[in-house]
């Protein structure tokens, strides 16, 4: 399985790029959001990838972070959500937005993606709500981008298992630590993820301690 590609962008289209890796061109499909984040033709790029294998098709999908890749895999596990629909959801919401929408049960946010109807959006939320905390807790490692090589590198293809954890991303780390703390306090993963997602939405730059305090207030019994 190809877990990561690093090379030069040979050409770009509306929904995919051709990456030249040591003379071999790999066609990689990406979400709108990912396409906008990629450099221009002739520049170096690195993407985490997922290979879709069917009887008559081998197709690569590319992602700037491991968290985005994991959401793609989970979204495709939902009935009625194929690769195209998954990329539409990720392109509209981004990985953080997908996690927040699912944790909060906001299927209307999922429905905003092109081609996603209300029934499919509700299935996404209902089927993935218990899995959202794990992906959200990937935190720093999951939100760090794949690193493109510097000038004149040895272009590589690496299995995902060989990737080392990346440097911490403060925002993702704070949410991951808050989720872990609430879990240690005995809160169920689903309710903890919902509270942390809401707290992070209200205060995007909040520290771990601030997120925990805000989430505990949201989880406190009313009345």
N, C-alpha and C. Protein backbone atom coordinates (compact mmCIF):
# COMPACT_ATOMS: atom_id res chain seq x y z
N UNK A 1 0.84 -1.20 0.00
CA UNK A 1 0.00 0.00 0.00
C UNK A 1 0.87 1.25 0.00
N UNK A 2 0.52 2.21 -0.81
CA UNK A 2 1.24 3.49 -0.84
C UNK A 2 0.64 4.41 0.22
N UNK A 3 1.41 4.74 1.24
CA UNK A 3 0.91 5.57 2.33
C UNK A 3 1.30 7.03 2.23
N UNK A 4 2.34 7.32 1.42
CA UNK A 4 2.81 8.70 1.29
C UNK A 4 3.56 8.83 -0.02
N UNK A 5 3.39 9.96 -0.67
CA UNK A 5 4.14 10.28 -1.89
C UNK A 5 4.84 11.61 -1.72
N UNK A 6 6.05 11.69 -2.22
CA UNK A 6 6.78 12.95 -2.23
C UNK A 6 7.46 13.09 -3.59
N UNK A 7 7.23 14.22 -4.23
CA UNK A 7 7.84 14.44 -5.55
C UNK A 7 7.49 15.81 -6.08
N UNK A 8 7.58 15.96 -7.40
CA UNK A 8 7.28 17.24 -8.05
C UNK A 8 5.92 17.17 -8.72
N UNK A 9 5.18 18.27 -8.64
CA UNK A 9 3.89 18.33 -9.31
C UNK A 9 4.14 18.53 -10.81
N UNK A 10 3.70 17.56 -11.60
CA UNK A 10 3.89 17.61 -13.05
C UNK A 10 2.76 18.36 -13.73
N UNK A 11 1.54 18.18 -13.22
CA UNK A 11 0.39 18.91 -13.76
C UNK A 11 -0.72 18.94 -12.73
N UNK A 12 -1.65 19.86 -12.93
CA UNK A 12 -2.79 20.01 -12.03
C UNK A 12 -4.08 20.05 -12.84
N UNK A 13 -5.15 19.52 -12.25
CA UNK A 13 -6.49 19.63 -12.83
C UNK A 13 -7.42 20.10 -11.72
N UNK A 14 -8.71 20.11 -12.01
CA UNK A 14 -9.65 20.63 -11.02
C UNK A 14 -9.69 19.78 -9.75
N UNK A 15 -9.56 18.46 -9.89
CA UNK A 15 -9.71 17.59 -8.72
C UNK A 15 -8.54 16.64 -8.49
N UNK A 16 -7.44 16.81 -9.23
CA UNK A 16 -6.31 15.91 -9.03
C UNK A 16 -5.01 16.55 -9.50
N UNK A 17 -3.92 15.96 -9.04
CA UNK A 17 -2.59 16.38 -9.47
C UNK A 17 -1.82 15.15 -9.95
N UNK A 18 -0.87 15.39 -10.83
CA UNK A 18 0.05 14.33 -11.28
C UNK A 18 1.39 14.61 -10.61
N UNK A 19 1.83 13.68 -9.76
CA UNK A 19 3.08 13.86 -9.02
C UNK A 19 4.15 12.96 -9.62
N UNK A 20 5.26 13.58 -10.02
CA UNK A 20 6.38 12.85 -10.61
C UNK A 20 7.31 12.40 -9.48
N UNK A 21 7.40 11.09 -9.28
CA UNK A 21 8.29 10.51 -8.27
C UNK A 21 9.34 9.67 -8.99
N UNK A 22 10.53 10.24 -9.13
CA UNK A 22 11.64 9.56 -9.82
C UNK A 22 11.24 9.06 -11.20
N UNK A 23 10.52 9.90 -11.92
CA UNK A 23 10.16 9.57 -13.29
C UNK A 23 8.86 8.80 -13.45
N UNK A 24 8.25 8.43 -12.34
CA UNK A 24 6.96 7.73 -12.39
C UNK A 24 5.87 8.72 -11.96
N UNK A 25 4.83 8.85 -12.79
CA UNK A 25 3.77 9.80 -12.49
C UNK A 25 2.61 9.13 -11.76
N UNK A 26 2.24 9.71 -10.61
CA UNK A 26 1.12 9.19 -9.83
C UNK A 26 -0.02 10.20 -9.88
N UNK A 27 -1.19 9.74 -10.31
CA UNK A 27 -2.38 10.59 -10.36
C UNK A 27 -3.06 10.53 -9.00
N UNK A 28 -3.18 11.66 -8.33
CA UNK A 28 -3.70 11.69 -6.96
C UNK A 28 -4.90 12.64 -6.90
N UNK A 29 -6.03 12.13 -6.47
CA UNK A 29 -7.25 12.93 -6.33
C UNK A 29 -7.30 13.56 -4.94
N UNK A 30 -7.75 14.82 -4.87
CA UNK A 30 -7.77 15.56 -3.61
C UNK A 30 -9.07 16.35 -3.47
N UNK A 31 -9.39 16.73 -2.25
CA UNK A 31 -10.54 17.59 -2.01
C UNK A 31 -10.24 19.00 -2.51
N UNK A 32 -11.28 19.82 -2.66
CA UNK A 32 -11.09 21.21 -3.09
C UNK A 32 -10.16 21.95 -2.14
N UNK A 33 -10.35 21.72 -0.85
CA UNK A 33 -9.54 22.41 0.16
C UNK A 33 -8.06 22.02 0.03
N UNK A 34 -7.81 20.74 -0.18
CA UNK A 34 -6.43 20.28 -0.33
C UNK A 34 -5.82 20.81 -1.62
N UNK A 35 -6.59 20.80 -2.71
CA UNK A 35 -6.09 21.32 -3.98
C UNK A 35 -5.65 22.78 -3.83
N UNK A 36 -6.41 23.56 -3.09
CA UNK A 36 -6.08 24.98 -2.91
C UNK A 36 -4.79 25.15 -2.09
N UNK A 37 -4.49 24.16 -1.25
CA UNK A 37 -3.32 24.27 -0.39
C UNK A 37 -2.04 23.79 -1.07
N UNK A 38 -2.17 23.13 -2.21
CA UNK A 38 -0.99 22.58 -2.88
C UNK A 38 -0.22 23.66 -3.64
N UNK A 39 1.10 23.47 -3.78
CA UNK A 39 1.91 24.43 -4.55
C UNK A 39 1.66 24.28 -6.05
N UNK A 40 2.36 25.08 -6.82
CA UNK A 40 2.15 25.09 -8.27
C UNK A 40 2.93 24.00 -8.99
N UNK A 41 2.70 23.93 -10.29
CA UNK A 41 3.39 22.95 -11.15
C UNK A 41 4.90 23.18 -11.07
N UNK A 42 5.63 22.08 -10.95
CA UNK A 42 7.08 22.16 -10.88
C UNK A 42 7.63 22.22 -9.47
N UNK A 43 6.76 22.44 -8.50
CA UNK A 43 7.21 22.54 -7.11
C UNK A 43 7.07 21.19 -6.41
N UNK A 44 7.79 21.05 -5.32
CA UNK A 44 7.77 19.81 -4.56
C UNK A 44 6.54 19.75 -3.65
N UNK A 45 6.05 18.54 -3.44
CA UNK A 45 4.90 18.34 -2.59
C UNK A 45 5.00 16.98 -1.93
N UNK A 46 4.40 16.84 -0.75
CA UNK A 46 4.30 15.55 -0.08
C UNK A 46 2.86 15.38 0.39
N UNK A 47 2.28 14.23 0.12
CA UNK A 47 0.90 13.96 0.50
C UNK A 47 0.80 12.58 1.14
N UNK A 48 0.01 12.47 2.18
CA UNK A 48 -0.40 11.17 2.67
C UNK A 48 -1.44 10.64 1.68
N UNK A 49 -1.43 9.36 1.42
CA UNK A 49 -2.31 8.83 0.39
C UNK A 49 -3.08 7.60 0.87
N UNK A 50 -4.21 7.39 0.22
CA UNK A 50 -5.02 6.20 0.46
C UNK A 50 -5.35 5.60 -0.90
N UNK A 51 -5.13 4.32 -1.05
CA UNK A 51 -5.33 3.65 -2.33
C UNK A 51 -6.66 2.91 -2.34
N UNK A 52 -7.53 3.29 -3.26
CA UNK A 52 -8.80 2.61 -3.44
C UNK A 52 -8.62 1.51 -4.48
N UNK A 53 -8.91 0.27 -4.09
CA UNK A 53 -8.72 -0.88 -4.97
C UNK A 53 -10.08 -1.50 -5.29
N UNK A 54 -10.41 -1.52 -6.56
CA UNK A 54 -11.61 -2.20 -7.03
C UNK A 54 -11.21 -3.13 -8.17
N UNK A 55 -12.14 -3.95 -8.60
CA UNK A 55 -11.84 -4.93 -9.65
C UNK A 55 -11.32 -4.27 -10.92
N UNK A 56 -11.88 -3.10 -11.25
CA UNK A 56 -11.49 -2.43 -12.49
C UNK A 56 -10.86 -1.06 -12.25
N UNK A 57 -10.38 -0.82 -11.00
CA UNK A 57 -9.90 0.52 -10.69
C UNK A 57 -8.86 0.51 -9.58
N UNK A 58 -7.81 1.28 -9.77
CA UNK A 58 -6.84 1.60 -8.72
C UNK A 58 -6.74 3.12 -8.69
N UNK A 59 -7.13 3.72 -7.58
CA UNK A 59 -7.17 5.18 -7.54
C UNK A 59 -6.58 5.69 -6.24
N UNK A 60 -5.68 6.68 -6.36
CA UNK A 60 -5.03 7.27 -5.19
C UNK A 60 -5.73 8.56 -4.77
N UNK A 61 -5.88 8.72 -3.46
CA UNK A 61 -6.43 9.96 -2.90
C UNK A 61 -5.39 10.56 -1.97
N UNK A 62 -5.23 11.88 -2.06
CA UNK A 62 -4.17 12.53 -1.30
C UNK A 62 -4.68 13.48 -0.24
N UNK A 63 -3.90 13.59 0.85
CA UNK A 63 -4.30 14.40 2.01
C UNK A 63 -3.07 15.09 2.60
N UNK A 64 -3.28 16.30 3.07
CA UNK A 64 -2.15 17.05 3.63
C UNK A 64 -1.81 16.61 5.05
N UNK A 65 -2.77 16.00 5.77
CA UNK A 65 -2.51 15.54 7.14
C UNK A 65 -3.03 14.13 7.33
N UNK A 66 -2.51 13.46 8.34
CA UNK A 66 -2.99 12.12 8.67
C UNK A 66 -4.42 12.16 9.20
N UNK A 67 -4.78 13.26 9.89
CA UNK A 67 -6.15 13.37 10.40
C UNK A 67 -7.14 13.43 9.23
N UNK A 68 -6.80 14.18 8.19
CA UNK A 68 -7.68 14.26 7.02
C UNK A 68 -7.82 12.88 6.37
N UNK A 69 -6.71 12.16 6.28
CA UNK A 69 -6.75 10.82 5.69
C UNK A 69 -7.63 9.89 6.52
N UNK A 70 -7.51 9.96 7.84
CA UNK A 70 -8.31 9.07 8.69
C UNK A 70 -9.79 9.39 8.58
N UNK A 71 -10.12 10.68 8.50
CA UNK A 71 -11.53 11.03 8.32
C UNK A 71 -12.06 10.50 6.99
N UNK A 72 -11.23 10.56 5.96
CA UNK A 72 -11.65 10.02 4.66
C UNK A 72 -11.99 8.54 4.77
N UNK A 73 -11.16 7.80 5.45
CA UNK A 73 -11.39 6.37 5.59
C UNK A 73 -12.66 6.09 6.40
N UNK A 74 -12.88 6.87 7.45
CA UNK A 74 -14.08 6.68 8.27
C UNK A 74 -15.34 7.09 7.51
N UNK A 75 -15.27 8.21 6.80
CA UNK A 75 -16.44 8.66 6.04
C UNK A 75 -16.84 7.62 5.00
N UNK A 76 -15.85 6.99 4.37
CA UNK A 76 -16.16 5.99 3.35
C UNK A 76 -16.73 4.71 3.94
N UNK A 77 -16.62 4.55 5.26
CA UNK A 77 -17.20 3.37 5.90
C UNK A 77 -18.71 3.52 6.10
N UNK A 78 -19.22 4.73 5.90
CA UNK A 78 -20.65 5.00 6.07
C UNK A 78 -21.38 4.65 4.78
N UNK A 79 -22.48 3.94 4.91
CA UNK A 79 -23.27 3.56 3.73
C UNK A 79 -23.69 4.80 2.96
N UNK A 80 -23.47 4.77 1.66
CA UNK A 80 -23.86 5.88 0.80
C UNK A 80 -22.79 6.94 0.62
N UNK A 81 -21.66 6.78 1.31
CA UNK A 81 -20.56 7.75 1.19
C UNK A 81 -19.39 7.08 0.47
N UNK A 82 -19.19 7.45 -0.78
CA UNK A 82 -18.04 6.97 -1.53
C UNK A 82 -16.90 7.97 -1.46
N UNK A 83 -15.88 7.72 -2.26
CA UNK A 83 -14.71 8.59 -2.24
C UNK A 83 -15.06 10.02 -2.63
N UNK A 84 -15.90 10.18 -3.65
CA UNK A 84 -16.27 11.52 -4.11
C UNK A 84 -17.02 12.28 -3.04
N UNK A 85 -17.96 11.61 -2.37
CA UNK A 85 -18.73 12.27 -1.31
C UNK A 85 -17.84 12.61 -0.12
N UNK A 86 -16.91 11.71 0.22
CA UNK A 86 -15.99 11.96 1.32
C UNK A 86 -15.15 13.20 1.05
N UNK A 87 -14.61 13.30 -0.17
CA UNK A 87 -13.80 14.47 -0.51
C UNK A 87 -14.65 15.74 -0.51
N UNK A 88 -15.92 15.63 -0.89
CA UNK A 88 -16.80 16.80 -0.86
C UNK A 88 -17.00 17.29 0.57
N UNK A 89 -17.19 16.36 1.50
CA UNK A 89 -17.38 16.73 2.91
C UNK A 89 -16.10 17.35 3.47
N UNK A 90 -14.97 16.72 3.19
CA UNK A 90 -13.69 17.25 3.68
C UNK A 90 -13.36 18.58 3.02
N UNK A 91 -13.71 18.73 1.76
CA UNK A 91 -13.45 19.99 1.07
C UNK A 91 -14.29 21.13 1.62
N UNK A 92 -15.48 20.82 2.08
CA UNK A 92 -16.37 21.85 2.63
C UNK A 92 -16.01 22.20 4.07
N UNK A 93 -15.76 21.19 4.90
CA UNK A 93 -15.58 21.41 6.33
C UNK A 93 -14.13 21.36 6.81
N UNK A 94 -13.28 20.63 6.08
CA UNK A 94 -11.93 20.39 6.58
C UNK A 94 -11.98 19.35 7.69
N UNK A 95 -10.86 18.72 8.03
CA UNK A 95 -10.86 17.68 9.05
C UNK A 95 -11.33 18.16 10.42
N UNK A 96 -10.91 19.35 10.83
CA UNK A 96 -11.36 19.88 12.12
C UNK A 96 -12.87 20.12 12.12
N UNK A 97 -13.37 20.64 11.01
CA UNK A 97 -14.80 20.92 10.91
C UNK A 97 -15.63 19.65 10.91
N UNK A 98 -15.11 18.59 10.26
CA UNK A 98 -15.81 17.31 10.25
C UNK A 98 -15.91 16.77 11.67
N UNK A 99 -14.79 16.80 12.39
CA UNK A 99 -14.80 16.30 13.76
C UNK A 99 -15.75 17.08 14.65
N UNK A 100 -15.75 18.40 14.49
CA UNK A 100 -16.64 19.24 15.32
C UNK A 100 -18.09 18.96 14.98
N UNK A 101 -18.41 18.86 13.70
CA UNK A 101 -19.81 18.63 13.30
C UNK A 101 -20.31 17.30 13.82
N UNK A 102 -19.49 16.26 13.72
CA UNK A 102 -19.91 14.94 14.17
C UNK A 102 -20.03 14.90 15.69
N UNK A 103 -19.05 15.49 16.38
CA UNK A 103 -19.09 15.48 17.85
C UNK A 103 -20.31 16.23 18.38
N UNK A 104 -20.72 17.29 17.69
CA UNK A 104 -21.87 18.09 18.12
C UNK A 104 -23.18 17.59 17.54
N UNK A 105 -23.13 16.56 16.70
CA UNK A 105 -24.35 16.05 16.09
C UNK A 105 -24.94 17.00 15.07
N UNK A 106 -24.10 17.85 14.48
CA UNK A 106 -24.57 18.87 13.54
C UNK A 106 -24.59 18.31 12.12
N UNK A 107 -25.62 17.54 11.80
CA UNK A 107 -25.68 16.95 10.47
C UNK A 107 -25.96 17.98 9.39
N UNK A 108 -26.53 19.13 9.78
CA UNK A 108 -26.74 20.20 8.79
C UNK A 108 -25.42 20.71 8.22
N UNK A 109 -24.38 20.73 9.05
CA UNK A 109 -23.06 21.15 8.56
C UNK A 109 -22.54 20.16 7.54
N UNK A 110 -22.75 18.87 7.80
CA UNK A 110 -22.32 17.83 6.86
C UNK A 110 -23.13 17.93 5.57
N UNK A 111 -24.41 18.24 5.69
CA UNK A 111 -25.30 18.34 4.53
C UNK A 111 -24.91 19.49 3.60
N UNK A 112 -24.13 20.44 4.12
CA UNK A 112 -23.71 21.58 3.29
C UNK A 112 -22.76 21.17 2.18
N UNK A 113 -22.16 19.97 2.29
CA UNK A 113 -21.26 19.50 1.24
C UNK A 113 -22.05 19.13 -0.01
N UNK A 114 -21.47 19.40 -1.17
CA UNK A 114 -22.13 19.13 -2.44
C UNK A 114 -22.45 17.64 -2.60
N UNK A 115 -23.71 17.36 -2.93
CA UNK A 115 -24.12 15.98 -3.19
C UNK A 115 -24.50 15.19 -1.96
N UNK A 116 -24.47 15.80 -0.79
CA UNK A 116 -24.80 15.10 0.45
C UNK A 116 -26.22 15.48 0.89
N UNK A 117 -27.11 14.52 0.91
CA UNK A 117 -28.48 14.75 1.32
C UNK A 117 -28.65 14.61 2.82
N UNK A 118 -29.81 14.97 3.34
CA UNK A 118 -30.04 14.92 4.79
C UNK A 118 -29.91 13.52 5.40
N UNK A 119 -30.41 12.51 4.71
CA UNK A 119 -30.33 11.15 5.25
C UNK A 119 -28.88 10.68 5.36
N UNK A 120 -28.10 10.97 4.32
CA UNK A 120 -26.69 10.59 4.36
C UNK A 120 -25.96 11.35 5.45
N UNK A 121 -26.25 12.64 5.58
CA UNK A 121 -25.61 13.46 6.61
C UNK A 121 -25.93 12.93 8.00
N UNK A 122 -27.16 12.54 8.22
CA UNK A 122 -27.55 12.00 9.52
C UNK A 122 -26.85 10.67 9.79
N UNK A 123 -26.70 9.83 8.76
CA UNK A 123 -25.98 8.57 8.94
C UNK A 123 -24.52 8.82 9.31
N UNK A 124 -23.90 9.80 8.66
CA UNK A 124 -22.51 10.13 8.97
C UNK A 124 -22.37 10.47 10.45
N UNK A 125 -23.24 11.34 10.94
CA UNK A 125 -23.16 11.77 12.34
C UNK A 125 -23.44 10.60 13.28
N UNK A 126 -24.49 9.86 13.00
CA UNK A 126 -24.90 8.78 13.90
C UNK A 126 -23.88 7.64 13.94
N UNK A 127 -23.31 7.30 12.79
CA UNK A 127 -22.40 6.15 12.73
C UNK A 127 -20.99 6.48 13.19
N UNK A 128 -20.61 7.76 13.12
CA UNK A 128 -19.22 8.11 13.44
C UNK A 128 -19.07 8.84 14.77
N UNK A 129 -20.17 9.11 15.47
CA UNK A 129 -20.08 9.92 16.69
C UNK A 129 -19.19 9.28 17.75
N UNK A 130 -19.19 7.94 17.82
CA UNK A 130 -18.35 7.27 18.81
C UNK A 130 -16.90 7.15 18.38
N UNK A 131 -16.63 7.36 17.08
CA UNK A 131 -15.27 7.27 16.56
C UNK A 131 -14.60 8.64 16.48
N UNK A 132 -15.41 9.70 16.57
CA UNK A 132 -14.85 11.06 16.44
C UNK A 132 -13.79 11.38 17.49
N UNK A 133 -13.99 11.01 18.78
CA UNK A 133 -12.97 11.38 19.78
C UNK A 133 -11.59 10.84 19.45
N UNK A 134 -11.52 9.61 18.94
CA UNK A 134 -10.22 9.02 18.65
C UNK A 134 -9.48 9.80 17.57
N UNK A 135 -10.19 10.22 16.54
CA UNK A 135 -9.55 10.97 15.46
C UNK A 135 -9.20 12.38 15.95
N UNK A 136 -10.12 12.99 16.71
CA UNK A 136 -9.84 14.32 17.24
C UNK A 136 -8.63 14.29 18.17
N UNK A 137 -8.47 13.18 18.89
CA UNK A 137 -7.36 13.06 19.84
C UNK A 137 -6.04 12.75 19.15
N UNK A 138 -6.07 12.53 17.84
CA UNK A 138 -4.81 12.38 17.12
C UNK A 138 -3.98 13.65 17.30
N UNK A 139 -4.70 14.75 17.52
CA UNK A 139 -4.06 16.01 17.89
C UNK A 139 -2.90 16.39 17.00
N UNK A 140 -1.76 16.58 17.63
CA UNK A 140 -0.60 17.12 16.93
C UNK A 140 -0.14 16.23 15.78
N UNK A 141 -0.01 14.93 16.04
CA UNK A 141 0.51 14.05 14.99
C UNK A 141 -0.41 13.99 13.80
N UNK A 142 -1.72 14.05 14.05
CA UNK A 142 -2.67 13.96 12.95
C UNK A 142 -2.86 15.24 12.19
N UNK A 143 -2.53 16.37 12.80
CA UNK A 143 -2.77 17.65 12.14
C UNK A 143 -1.51 18.23 11.50
N UNK A 144 -0.37 17.58 11.71
CA UNK A 144 0.86 18.07 11.11
C UNK A 144 0.90 17.68 9.63
N UNK A 145 1.29 18.61 8.76
CA UNK A 145 1.31 18.29 7.33
C UNK A 145 2.43 17.36 6.96
N UNK A 146 2.21 16.62 5.88
CA UNK A 146 3.30 15.82 5.30
C UNK A 146 4.36 16.79 4.82
N UNK A 147 5.61 16.49 5.08
CA UNK A 147 6.69 17.42 4.76
C UNK A 147 7.25 17.15 3.37
N UNK A 148 7.20 18.16 2.53
CA UNK A 148 7.83 18.05 1.22
C UNK A 148 9.34 18.16 1.39
N UNK A 149 10.10 17.45 0.59
CA UNK A 149 11.56 17.51 0.71
C UNK A 149 12.11 18.86 0.28
N UNK A 150 13.30 19.15 0.73
CA UNK A 150 13.96 20.40 0.37
C UNK A 150 14.52 20.30 -1.04
N UNK A 151 15.37 21.25 -1.40
CA UNK A 151 15.88 21.32 -2.77
C UNK A 151 16.61 20.04 -3.16
N UNK A 152 16.31 19.56 -4.39
CA UNK A 152 16.96 18.39 -4.98
C UNK A 152 17.00 17.19 -4.03
N UNK A 153 15.82 16.71 -3.60
CA UNK A 153 15.80 15.57 -2.68
C UNK A 153 15.83 14.26 -3.45
N UNK A 154 15.92 13.17 -2.70
CA UNK A 154 15.62 11.87 -3.27
C UNK A 154 14.14 11.66 -3.10
N UNK A 155 13.37 11.75 -4.20
CA UNK A 155 11.93 11.56 -4.13
C UNK A 155 11.64 10.15 -3.62
N UNK A 156 10.64 10.03 -2.76
CA UNK A 156 10.42 8.76 -2.10
C UNK A 156 8.96 8.37 -2.11
N UNK A 157 8.76 7.06 -1.99
CA UNK A 157 7.46 6.50 -1.70
C UNK A 157 7.64 5.72 -0.41
N UNK A 158 6.83 6.03 0.62
CA UNK A 158 7.00 5.37 1.90
C UNK A 158 5.70 4.75 2.37
N UNK A 159 5.75 3.59 3.01
CA UNK A 159 4.55 3.06 3.64
C UNK A 159 4.20 3.90 4.84
N UNK A 160 2.92 4.04 5.13
CA UNK A 160 2.50 4.91 6.22
C UNK A 160 3.06 4.46 7.55
N UNK A 161 3.30 3.18 7.72
CA UNK A 161 3.81 2.67 8.99
C UNK A 161 5.20 3.21 9.30
N UNK A 162 5.92 3.67 8.27
CA UNK A 162 7.28 4.14 8.48
C UNK A 162 7.34 5.60 8.88
N UNK A 163 6.21 6.29 8.88
CA UNK A 163 6.22 7.71 9.16
C UNK A 163 6.45 7.95 10.65
N UNK A 164 7.31 8.89 10.97
CA UNK A 164 7.52 9.25 12.37
C UNK A 164 6.50 10.30 12.77
N UNK A 165 6.10 10.36 14.05
CA UNK A 165 5.18 11.39 14.49
C UNK A 165 5.76 12.77 14.24
N UNK A 166 4.91 13.70 13.84
CA UNK A 166 5.38 15.04 13.52
C UNK A 166 5.35 15.93 14.75
N UNK A 167 5.85 17.15 14.57
CA UNK A 167 5.91 18.09 15.68
C UNK A 167 4.52 18.49 16.13
N UNK A 168 4.42 18.90 17.39
CA UNK A 168 3.13 19.21 17.98
C UNK A 168 2.52 20.47 17.39
N UNK A 169 1.21 20.42 17.23
CA UNK A 169 0.45 21.59 16.81
C UNK A 169 -0.37 22.04 18.01
N UNK A 170 -0.11 23.22 18.58
CA UNK A 170 -0.72 23.63 19.84
C UNK A 170 -2.23 23.48 19.88
N UNK A 171 -2.93 23.92 18.85
CA UNK A 171 -4.38 23.86 18.87
C UNK A 171 -4.88 22.42 18.96
N UNK A 172 -4.37 21.56 18.09
CA UNK A 172 -4.78 20.17 18.13
C UNK A 172 -4.36 19.49 19.42
N UNK A 173 -3.19 19.84 19.94
CA UNK A 173 -2.70 19.24 21.18
C UNK A 173 -3.60 19.60 22.35
N UNK A 174 -4.05 20.85 22.41
CA UNK A 174 -4.91 21.28 23.51
C UNK A 174 -6.21 20.49 23.51
N UNK A 175 -6.81 20.31 22.33
CA UNK A 175 -8.06 19.56 22.25
C UNK A 175 -7.85 18.10 22.62
N UNK A 176 -6.74 17.51 22.16
CA UNK A 176 -6.44 16.12 22.47
C UNK A 176 -6.24 15.93 23.98
N UNK A 177 -5.53 16.86 24.61
CA UNK A 177 -5.27 16.75 26.04
C UNK A 177 -6.56 16.95 26.83
N UNK A 178 -7.42 17.86 26.36
CA UNK A 178 -8.70 18.08 27.04
C UNK A 178 -9.58 16.84 26.93
N UNK A 179 -9.60 16.21 25.77
CA UNK A 179 -10.37 14.98 25.60
C UNK A 179 -9.86 13.89 26.53
N UNK A 180 -8.54 13.75 26.63
CA UNK A 180 -7.96 12.74 27.50
C UNK A 180 -8.31 13.01 28.96
N UNK A 181 -8.24 14.27 29.35
CA UNK A 181 -8.56 14.62 30.74
C UNK A 181 -10.01 14.31 31.09
N UNK A 182 -10.92 14.64 30.20
CA UNK A 182 -12.34 14.36 30.45
C UNK A 182 -12.59 12.86 30.49
N UNK A 183 -11.89 12.11 29.65
CA UNK A 183 -12.01 10.65 29.68
C UNK A 183 -11.55 10.10 31.02
N UNK A 184 -10.45 10.66 31.55
CA UNK A 184 -9.95 10.22 32.85
C UNK A 184 -10.91 10.55 33.98
N UNK A 185 -11.74 11.58 33.76
CA UNK A 185 -12.74 11.95 34.76
C UNK A 185 -14.00 11.10 34.67
N UNK A 186 -14.04 10.21 33.70
CA UNK A 186 -15.17 9.30 33.60
C UNK A 186 -16.23 9.66 32.59
N UNK A 187 -16.01 10.72 31.81
CA UNK A 187 -17.00 11.11 30.81
C UNK A 187 -16.90 10.18 29.59
N UNK A 188 -18.03 9.86 29.01
CA UNK A 188 -18.07 9.01 27.83
C UNK A 188 -17.39 9.74 26.66
N UNK A 189 -16.74 8.99 25.77
CA UNK A 189 -16.04 9.63 24.65
C UNK A 189 -16.91 10.57 23.83
N UNK A 190 -18.16 10.16 23.56
CA UNK A 190 -19.03 10.98 22.74
C UNK A 190 -19.36 12.31 23.37
N UNK A 191 -19.75 12.29 24.66
CA UNK A 191 -20.12 13.55 25.31
C UNK A 191 -18.90 14.43 25.56
N UNK A 192 -17.75 13.80 25.82
CA UNK A 192 -16.51 14.57 26.00
C UNK A 192 -16.13 15.27 24.71
N UNK A 193 -16.20 14.55 23.60
CA UNK A 193 -15.84 15.14 22.31
C UNK A 193 -16.77 16.28 21.95
N UNK A 194 -18.06 16.12 22.22
CA UNK A 194 -19.02 17.19 21.92
C UNK A 194 -18.73 18.45 22.71
N UNK A 195 -18.42 18.27 24.00
CA UNK A 195 -18.15 19.43 24.86
C UNK A 195 -16.86 20.12 24.45
N UNK A 196 -15.82 19.35 24.16
CA UNK A 196 -14.54 19.94 23.75
C UNK A 196 -14.69 20.64 22.40
N UNK A 197 -15.43 20.03 21.49
CA UNK A 197 -15.63 20.65 20.18
C UNK A 197 -16.36 21.98 20.32
N UNK A 198 -17.38 22.02 21.17
CA UNK A 198 -18.12 23.27 21.36
C UNK A 198 -17.24 24.32 22.03
N UNK A 199 -16.47 23.90 23.04
CA UNK A 199 -15.59 24.84 23.74
C UNK A 199 -14.53 25.38 22.79
N UNK A 200 -13.97 24.51 21.95
CA UNK A 200 -12.95 24.96 20.99
C UNK A 200 -13.55 25.87 19.93
N UNK A 201 -14.79 25.61 19.56
CA UNK A 201 -15.45 26.49 18.60
C UNK A 201 -15.70 27.87 19.16
N UNK A 202 -16.03 27.93 20.46
CA UNK A 202 -16.28 29.22 21.11
C UNK A 202 -14.99 29.99 21.36
N UNK A 203 -13.90 29.25 21.60
CA UNK A 203 -12.61 29.90 21.89
C UNK A 203 -11.49 29.13 21.19
N UNK A 204 -11.27 29.39 19.89
CA UNK A 204 -10.30 28.62 19.10
C UNK A 204 -8.87 28.63 19.64
N UNK A 205 -8.48 29.68 20.35
CA UNK A 205 -7.11 29.79 20.84
C UNK A 205 -6.98 29.38 22.30
N UNK A 206 -7.99 28.74 22.86
CA UNK A 206 -7.98 28.37 24.27
C UNK A 206 -6.89 27.35 24.56
N UNK A 207 -6.34 27.44 25.78
CA UNK A 207 -5.35 26.46 26.22
C UNK A 207 -6.04 25.19 26.68
N UNK A 208 -5.24 24.18 27.00
CA UNK A 208 -5.81 22.92 27.48
C UNK A 208 -6.67 23.15 28.73
N UNK A 209 -6.12 23.88 29.69
CA UNK A 209 -6.85 24.12 30.93
C UNK A 209 -8.16 24.88 30.68
N UNK A 210 -8.09 25.86 29.80
CA UNK A 210 -9.30 26.64 29.49
C UNK A 210 -10.35 25.78 28.80
N UNK A 211 -9.91 24.88 27.91
CA UNK A 211 -10.84 23.99 27.24
C UNK A 211 -11.49 23.03 28.23
N UNK A 212 -10.70 22.53 29.16
CA UNK A 212 -11.25 21.60 30.16
C UNK A 212 -12.29 22.30 31.02
N UNK A 213 -11.97 23.51 31.49
CA UNK A 213 -12.93 24.26 32.32
C UNK A 213 -14.22 24.54 31.56
N UNK A 214 -14.07 24.98 30.31
CA UNK A 214 -15.26 25.31 29.51
C UNK A 214 -16.08 24.06 29.23
N UNK A 215 -15.39 22.94 28.92
CA UNK A 215 -16.11 21.69 28.64
C UNK A 215 -16.84 21.18 29.88
N UNK A 216 -16.21 21.30 31.04
CA UNK A 216 -16.85 20.86 32.28
C UNK A 216 -18.11 21.68 32.58
N UNK A 217 -18.06 22.96 32.27
CA UNK A 217 -19.26 23.78 32.45
C UNK A 217 -20.39 23.32 31.53
N UNK A 218 -20.02 22.95 30.29
CA UNK A 218 -21.01 22.48 29.35
C UNK A 218 -21.59 21.13 29.75
N UNK A 219 -20.77 20.32 30.43
CA UNK A 219 -21.20 18.99 30.83
C UNK A 219 -21.90 18.97 32.19
N UNK A 220 -21.81 20.08 32.91
CA UNK A 220 -22.44 20.14 34.24
C UNK A 220 -23.96 20.00 34.13
N UNK A 221 -24.57 19.29 35.08
CA UNK A 221 -26.04 19.14 35.06
C UNK A 221 -26.71 20.50 35.08
N UNK A 222 -27.73 20.65 34.28
CA UNK A 222 -28.47 21.91 34.21
C UNK A 222 -29.55 21.95 35.29
N UNK A 223 -29.80 23.15 35.78
CA UNK A 223 -30.87 23.31 36.74
C UNK A 223 -30.41 23.26 38.18
